[in-house]
Structure formats: structure tokens, C-alpha cells
Amino acid sequence: MSLEAIRYRRGSLQILNQLLLPHQSLYEEISSVRQGWEAIRAMKVRGAPAIAIVGCLSIAVELHNKGNAEWSVGSLEMFVADSLSFLVSARPTAVNMARAAQELGHFVHQEAKREGTTAASLRESVIGWAEAMLDKDLKDNKSIGEHGACHLLQRVGQDKVIVLTHCNTGSLATAGYGTALGVIRSLHAMGHLEHVYCTETRPYNQGARLTAYELVYEKIPATLIADSMVSMAMKEKKISAVFVGADRVVANGDTANKVGTYQLAIAAKYHGIPFYVAAPSTSCDLSLEHGRQIVIEERPSQELTDISGVRVAAPGIGVWNPAFDVTPHELITGGIVTEYGVFAPAELQAGLLHVNPQTMDQPQTA
């Protein structure tokens, strides 16, 4: 059974505080948009799909708990619009929250104009829209897992594969199952996974704290390595492929993901190892033409200088702490795995526009 990062029922949203893992499993109640923003910003909840889901569900919970009495159609529409704008500001690099804000904002605006719409009916529609995200994300992740596993097995022609992954892309980063870790989970279920190597993912240690936790929990054969060991692992450990997630994939296939991904892609290219990005279409931002247009979030210096609240760096040293880097599309040699299939970076834009033209924006040249 997969871990639950998000527990939701109508009027109640709880998140597993991932800052406390793996030592403590504590679910915290989110009862307002402000609390949702704070949980996302503090990285109590993280992973691009989970950020969007928790953000939208925080709106649903606050609407439910406030009831119908204080709303008009206009004031409810304004509350949703203001809340979405606020939530997007929590972590700007991940596109899923921004895309959800665009789609939900448009939905609310259209519903508000519909003849016969009342504050009560609009409130119910918004809550239902947010709730549907949970089921859709889980379904999409299972499709990603199947597509990625089958594509790799066909490409390498091996019965058993060894996979390297970075950061956390499993049940803790999504509604369940996961993206890159979902591919690994599918390979394991098929009986074709020999071993997984996961990086510690400094400076926030999502690999050591979260991915390792998920792999142990699900009894998947795995080994933890330091980020600085990836080239040696590729040379010595017969790595079949690298699978990573994504916080934003732009029109040409350039991909923003947890810092350290770019150097993995370079090392994989040198060693002739297929490098895959696994992400739902909601992480694809076709409004941006190339990766230089992606805003990269920078995190507090203490995340680099301190470990578990203990200072390890020399006092007075300067710190640069970008949370993400951008992997150029030419290094994504395996493909970009989505719920619709696996695309070469050059095919991504046309492929997604073909299968889902309504939700994909056209690129804008900078």
C-alpha cells in the first residue's frame, strides 16, 4: 500500500509533514488558504503535483468551512482569484500550481457568468473541481509508470534493469504512486526491477529522507548514494537508465527539476545511459519556449549551512542556494514520459497539443 501524503474528505484536509520524515509521521490539518500557502512555502508538502493539489484543496476546505452565508457570486469569484494568485507565489518554479490557477480561475469565471448560478452552486462547483484533482493525478501517475516502464524495457532489451533516480517523485510528491518513482514502482510490480540507486539530494535531502523512506516502506531493493557519487555509480553499477521528475517542462523539452539533475544528465550522456524525465502534462508549460525563461526559486541559506538545525558551514561564508536547475533538452536522451506516452523532447509540443489542445498554451518567444 502506498504512503499517503494527502488525506482529504469534504471539509477536512490533512498533509503529512515531510519536514519530520523519516523519524516522525505527523499529519497536520490545513483549514485555510493561508495555511496551505505556509505548508507549501515551508516544504511541509512538496512535489509539483502535490503542491497544486494541496493549494486547490485548501481553497475548497476554506469555502466549505465558511458556509454559504457570507458569499455572493462576485465575492466568491474574487476570493478564489485572490487565493490562487497568493498560492502561486509560494513556490514559483513548479508550474502545476500556476496551471491549476489558470484553469480553475477560468472555470470559476465561466461558471459565475452562467445564468442561474448562485453563490451556493458556485461554491459547490469549485469544491468539486478541486476534489477531482486527486483522482486524476493518481490515474495519470499510474499511466506514467506503465508508459515509462514499457518504454525502457523495450529500449534496453533487458529482463532486469537497474535505475538511478534523484530527489523524491513518489507518493509523497503526488496524490499517490508517483512520477519517476511511479515508473520504478511499475518496473518492480512487473518483476523487471533489479535495483534502484537514489541520491541523497542535498541540500534538503529529499532522497535520503523521503525517497529512501518510500523504497524501504514498499520493500523495493534500493541503495542510497551521495550526490557526488553518481558518475562513479554509472561507471561501476551497470545503471540501465536515469529517471527524474520535473517541476516545469517547456516547449522545446528543457526541464527544470531539483538542483543536481543537470549534472546527472551530463554524466548519463557521457556514459551512454538513457536519461528520462517523468512528469504529468500539468508540469508541461508550452507558453515558454526554452529553459532560460524559467524562474528559478532560491531557498534560504540555512538549508545549505545547517543540517537538522546544527550549523556545519564556516560562519561568514556566502551562500548560493537555487532549489532547481534546468536540464537542456538535448541531454534528455530517453524521453519525456507523460500520461499520454513517451515523447522525444522535439516531439513534446506537437504531441501534447494533439492529445490535449484545450489545456496547452502556445509558446511565446522571449
Protein backbone atom coordinates (compact mmCIF):
# COMPACT_ATOMS: atom_id res chain seq x y z
CA MET A 1 0.00 0.00 0.00
CA SER A 2 1.38 3.41 -0.99
CA LEU A 3 2.06 6.15 1.50
CA GLU A 4 -0.47 8.96 1.78
CA ALA A 5 0.93 12.48 1.60
CA ILE A 6 -2.57 14.00 1.39
CA ARG A 7 -5.65 12.94 3.32
CA TYR A 8 -8.85 14.61 2.25
CA ARG A 9 -12.55 14.33 2.89
CA ARG A 10 -15.12 17.01 2.33
CA GLY A 11 -14.28 19.86 4.74
CA SER A 12 -11.02 18.33 6.02
CA LEU A 13 -7.52 18.42 4.53
CA GLN A 14 -4.51 16.88 6.23
CA ILE A 15 -0.95 16.73 4.93
CA LEU A 16 1.91 14.54 6.06
CA ASN A 17 4.55 16.96 7.35
CA GLN A 18 7.52 15.91 5.26
CA LEU A 19 9.95 18.01 7.28
CA LEU A 20 9.63 15.43 10.05
CA LEU A 21 10.20 12.32 7.93
CA PRO A 22 11.60 9.71 8.27
CA HIS A 23 11.67 9.97 12.06
CA GLN A 24 8.08 11.02 12.66
CA SER A 25 4.85 10.63 10.68
CA LEU A 26 2.62 13.55 11.64
CA TYR A 27 -0.44 14.71 9.73
CA GLU A 28 -1.26 18.40 10.04
CA GLU A 29 -4.65 19.99 9.41
CA ILE A 30 -4.92 22.60 6.66
CA SER A 31 -8.09 24.63 7.16
CA SER A 32 -7.37 27.80 5.17
CA VAL A 33 -5.61 29.13 2.11
CA ARG A 34 -3.06 30.87 4.34
CA GLN A 35 -2.18 27.55 5.99
CA GLY A 36 -1.93 25.91 2.57
CA TRP A 37 0.48 28.62 1.38
CA GLU A 38 2.60 28.26 4.53
CA ALA A 39 2.78 24.47 4.21
CA ILE A 40 3.88 24.75 0.56
CA ARG A 41 6.41 27.51 1.23
CA ALA A 42 7.94 25.68 4.21
CA MET A 43 8.08 22.44 2.16
CA LYS A 44 5.90 20.52 4.57
CA VAL A 45 4.28 19.47 1.32
CA ARG A 46 6.40 19.40 -1.84
CA GLY A 47 6.47 17.94 -5.30
CA ALA A 48 4.89 19.87 -8.15
CA PRO A 49 1.68 17.79 -8.43
CA ALA A 50 1.11 17.74 -4.66
CA ILE A 51 1.67 21.50 -4.40
CA ALA A 52 -1.15 22.15 -6.88
CA ILE A 53 -3.50 19.66 -5.25
CA VAL A 54 -2.96 20.96 -1.73
CA GLY A 55 -3.24 24.56 -2.93
CA CYS A 56 -6.60 23.99 -4.61
CA LEU A 57 -7.93 21.79 -1.81
CA SER A 58 -7.06 24.49 0.73
CA ILE A 59 -9.45 26.76 -1.17
CA ALA A 60 -12.10 24.03 -1.15
CA VAL A 61 -11.76 23.47 2.59
CA GLU A 62 -11.94 27.17 3.44
CA LEU A 63 -15.01 27.58 1.23
CA HIS A 64 -16.68 24.57 2.84
CA ASN A 65 -15.96 25.66 6.38
CA LYS A 66 -17.18 29.22 5.85
CA GLY A 67 -20.52 28.00 4.54
CA ASN A 68 -22.84 29.83 2.18
CA ALA A 69 -23.98 32.75 4.34
CA GLU A 70 -21.27 35.33 3.61
CA TRP A 71 -20.83 34.82 -0.14
CA SER A 72 -22.23 36.48 -3.20
CA VAL A 73 -21.28 35.18 -6.64
CA GLY A 74 -18.99 38.18 -7.13
CA SER A 75 -17.27 37.96 -3.75
CA LEU A 76 -16.74 34.21 -4.13
CA GLU A 77 -15.20 34.65 -7.56
CA MET A 78 -12.88 37.33 -6.17
CA PHE A 79 -11.91 35.14 -3.19
CA VAL A 80 -10.93 32.27 -5.50
CA ALA A 81 -8.96 34.57 -7.83
CA ASP A 82 -7.07 36.22 -4.95
CA SER A 83 -6.40 32.87 -3.28
CA LEU A 84 -4.99 31.35 -6.46
CA SER A 85 -2.69 34.32 -7.06
CA PHE A 86 -1.43 34.03 -3.48
CA LEU A 87 -0.84 30.28 -3.69
CA VAL A 88 1.18 30.57 -6.91
CA SER A 89 3.62 32.87 -5.09
CA ALA A 90 4.57 30.19 -2.56
CA ARG A 91 6.95 28.34 -4.91
CA PRO A 92 7.13 29.86 -8.40
CA THR A 93 9.26 27.35 -10.31
CA ALA A 94 6.78 24.46 -10.23
CA VAL A 95 4.25 25.13 -12.99
CA ASN A 96 1.46 22.84 -11.74
CA MET A 97 0.08 25.38 -9.27
CA ALA A 98 0.18 28.14 -11.87
CA ARG A 99 -1.59 25.94 -14.42
CA ALA A 100 -4.21 24.90 -11.88
CA ALA A 101 -4.73 28.57 -11.01
CA GLN A 102 -5.25 29.43 -14.66
CA GLU A 103 -7.69 26.57 -15.24
CA LEU A 104 -9.66 26.97 -12.01
CA GLY A 105 -9.77 30.75 -12.43
CA HIS A 106 -11.20 30.36 -15.93
CA PHE A 107 -13.68 27.74 -14.73
CA VAL A 108 -14.94 29.98 -11.92
CA HIS A 109 -15.26 32.97 -14.21
CA GLN A 110 -17.31 30.97 -16.72
CA GLU A 111 -19.50 29.47 -14.02
CA ALA A 112 -20.09 32.87 -12.44
CA LYS A 113 -21.45 34.18 -15.76
CA ARG A 114 -23.77 31.22 -16.27
CA GLU A 115 -27.47 32.04 -15.99
CA GLY A 116 -28.95 30.80 -12.73
CA THR A 117 -25.62 30.46 -10.90
CA THR A 118 -25.89 31.17 -7.20
CA ALA A 119 -23.19 31.57 -4.57
CA ALA A 120 -24.11 28.13 -3.21
CA SER A 121 -23.91 26.42 -6.60
CA LEU A 122 -20.65 28.17 -7.49
CA ARG A 123 -19.15 27.19 -4.15
CA GLU A 124 -20.11 23.55 -4.76
CA SER A 125 -18.64 23.66 -8.27
CA VAL A 126 -15.29 24.98 -7.01
CA ILE A 127 -15.08 22.33 -4.29
CA GLY A 128 -15.92 19.58 -6.78
CA TRP A 129 -13.30 20.86 -9.25
CA ALA A 130 -10.58 20.74 -6.59
CA GLU A 131 -11.62 17.29 -5.38
CA ALA A 132 -11.40 15.87 -8.89
CA MET A 133 -7.68 16.72 -9.00
CA LEU A 134 -6.89 13.91 -6.54
CA ASP A 135 -8.38 11.13 -8.63
CA LYS A 136 -6.99 12.47 -11.90
CA ASP A 137 -3.43 12.78 -10.55
CA LEU A 138 -3.43 9.20 -9.28
CA LYS A 139 -4.75 7.89 -12.60
CA ASP A 140 -2.21 9.93 -14.57
CA ASN A 141 0.67 8.72 -12.40
CA LYS A 142 -0.20 5.08 -12.98
CA SER A 143 -0.23 5.74 -16.72
CA ILE A 144 3.18 7.42 -16.47
CA GLY A 145 4.52 4.40 -14.59
CA GLU A 146 3.30 1.95 -17.21
CA HIS A 147 4.46 4.01 -20.20
CA GLY A 148 7.92 4.62 -18.72
CA ALA A 149 8.50 1.02 -17.66
CA CYS A 150 7.45 -0.43 -21.02
CA HIS A 151 9.49 2.11 -23.00
CA LEU A 152 12.66 1.39 -21.00
CA LEU A 153 12.31 -2.39 -21.23
CA GLN A 154 11.78 -2.20 -24.98
CA ARG A 155 14.73 0.15 -25.41
CA VAL A 156 17.34 -1.73 -23.38
CA GLY A 157 16.19 -5.27 -24.16
CA GLN A 158 16.96 -6.49 -20.64
CA ASP A 159 14.80 -8.63 -18.38
CA LYS A 160 16.09 -6.91 -15.23
CA VAL A 161 17.05 -3.24 -15.04
CA ILE A 162 18.95 -1.03 -12.60
CA VAL A 163 17.65 2.52 -12.26
CA LEU A 164 19.10 5.68 -10.74
CA THR A 165 16.78 8.43 -9.50
CA HIS A 166 17.10 11.88 -7.92
CA CYS A 167 15.04 13.76 -5.34
CA ASN A 168 11.57 12.46 -4.41
CA THR A 169 8.95 11.76 -7.05
CA GLY A 170 6.75 9.17 -5.38
CA SER A 171 3.56 9.06 -3.33
CA LEU A 172 4.93 11.82 -1.11
CA ALA A 173 5.19 14.23 -4.06
CA THR A 174 1.84 13.45 -5.68
CA ALA A 175 -1.68 12.25 -4.93
CA GLY A 176 -0.20 8.74 -4.94
CA TYR A 177 2.01 6.29 -6.88
CA GLY A 178 4.38 8.93 -8.21
CA THR A 179 6.02 10.00 -11.48
CA ALA A 180 9.66 8.88 -11.82
CA LEU A 181 9.24 6.72 -8.73
CA GLY A 182 5.99 5.52 -10.26
CA VAL A 183 7.98 4.13 -13.19
CA ILE A 184 10.25 2.36 -10.70
CA ARG A 185 7.19 1.06 -8.85
CA SER A 186 5.76 -0.29 -12.12
CA LEU A 187 9.05 -2.00 -13.03
CA HIS A 188 9.09 -3.62 -9.59
CA ALA A 189 5.48 -4.81 -9.91
CA MET A 190 6.28 -6.31 -13.33
CA GLY A 191 9.22 -8.23 -11.86
CA HIS A 192 11.75 -6.42 -14.05
CA LEU A 193 13.49 -4.22 -11.46
CA GLU A 194 16.82 -5.47 -10.16
CA HIS A 195 17.83 -2.46 -8.06
CA VAL A 196 17.38 1.28 -7.51
CA TYR A 197 20.04 3.82 -6.59
CA CYS A 198 18.67 7.03 -5.09
CA THR A 199 20.68 10.16 -4.40
CA GLU A 200 20.60 11.91 -1.03
CA THR A 201 19.64 15.16 -2.88
CA ARG A 202 21.49 17.85 -0.97
CA PRO A 203 20.95 20.32 0.47
CA TYR A 204 17.41 19.36 1.56
CA ASN A 205 17.99 15.61 1.48
CA GLN A 206 14.67 14.64 -0.11
CA GLY A 207 16.28 11.49 -1.46
CA ALA A 208 17.75 10.38 1.86
CA ARG A 209 14.71 11.37 3.92
CA LEU A 210 11.80 10.70 1.57
CA THR A 211 12.68 8.50 -1.42
CA ALA A 212 14.65 6.09 0.75
CA TYR A 213 11.69 6.03 3.16
CA GLU A 214 9.27 5.13 0.37
CA LEU A 215 11.57 2.46 -1.07
CA VAL A 216 12.06 0.79 2.32
CA TYR A 217 8.33 1.08 3.08
CA GLU A 218 7.44 -0.73 -0.15
CA LYS A 219 10.30 -3.26 0.10
CA ILE A 220 11.85 -2.20 -3.21
CA PRO A 221 15.57 -3.18 -3.40
CA ALA A 222 17.48 0.08 -3.16
CA THR A 223 20.73 1.78 -2.17
CA LEU A 224 21.30 5.38 -1.09
CA ILE A 225 24.27 7.27 -2.55
CA ALA A 226 25.63 10.78 -2.14
CA ASP A 227 25.02 13.21 -4.99
CA SER A 228 28.75 13.29 -5.67
CA MET A 229 28.78 9.52 -6.32
CA VAL A 230 26.53 9.44 -9.39
CA SER A 231 29.28 9.33 -12.02
CA MET A 232 31.05 6.52 -10.19
CA ALA A 233 27.74 4.65 -9.83
CA MET A 234 27.12 4.95 -13.58
CA LYS A 235 30.60 3.61 -14.27
CA GLU A 236 30.57 0.74 -11.75
CA LYS A 237 26.95 -0.29 -11.05
CA LYS A 238 25.60 -1.11 -14.54
CA ILE A 239 22.91 1.57 -14.43
CA SER A 240 20.30 0.90 -17.15
CA ALA A 241 18.61 4.32 -17.03
CA VAL A 242 18.12 7.50 -15.03
CA PHE A 243 14.56 8.60 -14.21
CA VAL A 244 13.83 12.01 -12.69
CA GLY A 245 10.73 14.12 -12.22
CA ALA A 246 10.07 17.70 -13.28
CA ASP A 247 8.73 20.92 -11.86
CA ARG A 248 8.39 22.51 -15.28
CA VAL A 249 8.96 21.26 -18.83
CA VAL A 250 8.90 23.95 -21.54
CA ALA A 251 8.06 23.77 -25.24
CA ASN A 252 11.48 22.66 -26.51
CA GLY A 253 11.81 20.00 -23.79
CA ASP A 254 14.17 21.89 -21.45
CA THR A 255 13.29 20.75 -17.93
CA ALA A 256 13.52 22.38 -14.51
CA ASN A 257 13.91 19.87 -11.71
CA LYS A 258 15.59 19.64 -8.31
CA VAL A 259 19.10 21.06 -8.35
CA GLY A 260 21.59 18.34 -9.22
CA THR A 261 19.51 16.97 -12.10
CA TYR A 262 21.56 18.79 -14.74
CA GLN A 263 24.82 17.16 -13.65
CA LEU A 264 23.14 13.74 -13.65
CA ALA A 265 22.08 14.29 -17.25
CA ILE A 266 25.62 15.29 -18.26
CA ALA A 267 27.08 12.19 -16.59
CA ALA A 268 24.43 9.93 -18.15
CA LYS A 269 25.18 11.33 -21.60
CA TYR A 270 28.90 10.64 -21.16
CA HIS A 271 28.23 7.06 -20.05
CA GLY A 272 25.64 6.37 -22.77
CA ILE A 273 22.82 5.83 -20.27
CA PRO A 274 19.25 6.82 -21.25
CA PHE A 275 18.03 9.83 -19.27
CA TYR A 276 14.26 10.12 -18.78
CA VAL A 277 12.02 12.84 -17.37
CA ALA A 278 8.71 11.58 -15.96
CA ALA A 279 6.01 14.20 -15.46
CA PRO A 280 2.29 14.71 -15.98
CA SER A 281 1.16 17.07 -18.73
CA THR A 282 0.26 19.56 -15.99
CA SER A 283 4.00 20.05 -15.46
CA CYS A 284 4.47 20.99 -19.12
CA ASP A 285 4.45 24.74 -19.79
CA LEU A 286 4.24 25.28 -23.52
CA SER A 287 3.87 29.03 -23.03
CA LEU A 288 7.65 29.15 -22.51
CA GLU A 289 9.89 28.43 -25.47
CA HIS A 290 13.11 27.47 -23.67
CA GLY A 291 14.55 26.87 -20.22
CA ARG A 292 16.20 30.26 -19.84
CA GLN A 293 12.72 31.71 -19.34
CA ILE A 294 12.04 29.60 -16.23
CA VAL A 295 12.15 31.49 -12.92
CA ILE A 296 14.41 29.54 -10.56
CA GLU A 297 13.46 29.69 -6.89
CA GLU A 298 16.25 30.38 -4.41
CA ARG A 299 15.94 28.97 -0.91
CA PRO A 300 17.17 30.24 2.48
CA SER A 301 20.91 29.92 3.14
CA GLN A 302 20.30 27.87 6.30
CA GLU A 303 19.19 24.91 4.20
CA LEU A 304 22.76 24.66 2.96
CA THR A 305 24.74 25.76 6.01
CA ASP A 306 22.77 23.78 8.62
CA ILE A 307 21.76 20.14 8.99
CA SER A 308 18.84 19.45 11.33
CA GLY A 309 19.33 22.85 12.88
CA VAL A 310 23.05 22.34 13.51
CA ARG A 311 25.48 24.69 11.75
CA VAL A 312 28.06 22.77 9.69
CA ALA A 313 29.42 25.55 7.46
CA ALA A 314 32.03 28.10 8.46
CA PRO A 315 30.40 31.29 9.79
CA GLY A 316 30.63 34.20 7.39
CA ILE A 317 30.71 32.14 4.18
CA GLY A 318 28.47 33.34 1.34
CA VAL A 319 25.72 31.01 0.12
CA TRP A 320 24.01 30.46 -3.23
CA ASN A 321 21.10 28.03 -2.87
CA PRO A 322 18.99 27.62 -6.04
CA ALA A 323 16.32 24.97 -5.49
CA PHE A 324 16.27 23.85 -9.13
CA ASP A 325 18.40 23.67 -12.25
CA VAL A 326 17.46 23.34 -15.92
CA THR A 327 18.45 20.31 -17.96
CA PRO A 328 18.77 21.14 -21.69
CA HIS A 329 16.53 19.06 -23.93
CA GLU A 330 19.43 17.51 -25.84
CA LEU A 331 20.50 15.70 -22.67
CA ILE A 332 17.09 14.03 -22.23
CA THR A 333 18.06 11.04 -24.32
CA GLY A 334 15.44 8.56 -23.10
CA GLY A 335 12.41 10.78 -23.48
CA ILE A 336 9.78 12.70 -21.56
CA VAL A 337 7.25 10.31 -20.02
CA THR A 338 3.71 11.67 -19.63
CA GLU A 339 0.31 10.09 -19.02
CA TYR A 340 -0.16 10.18 -22.80
CA GLY A 341 3.03 8.31 -23.66
CA VAL A 342 6.76 8.91 -24.09
CA PHE A 343 7.87 11.81 -26.28
CA ALA A 344 11.29 12.82 -27.56
CA PRO A 345 11.84 16.44 -26.45
CA ALA A 346 11.48 17.65 -30.05
CA GLU A 347 8.08 15.89 -30.27
CA LEU A 348 6.68 17.06 -26.93
CA GLN A 349 4.91 20.22 -28.05
CA ALA A 350 3.21 18.68 -31.06
CA GLY A 351 2.34 15.52 -29.14
CA LEU A 352 0.67 17.30 -26.25
CA LEU A 353 -1.16 19.75 -28.46
CA HIS A 354 -2.51 16.79 -30.42
CA VAL A 355 -3.84 14.87 -27.41
CA ASN A 356 -4.95 17.82 -25.28
CA PRO A 357 -5.25 21.04 -27.29
CA GLN A 358 -7.59 22.82 -24.87
CA THR A 359 -5.19 22.93 -21.93
CA MET A 360 -1.87 23.54 -23.66
CA ASP A 361 -0.76 27.12 -24.30
CA GLN A 362 1.26 28.02 -27.36
CA PRO A 363 4.89 29.09 -26.77
CA GLN A 364 5.83 32.74 -26.63
CA THR A 365 9.28 33.81 -27.82
CA ALA A 366 11.20 35.80 -25.23
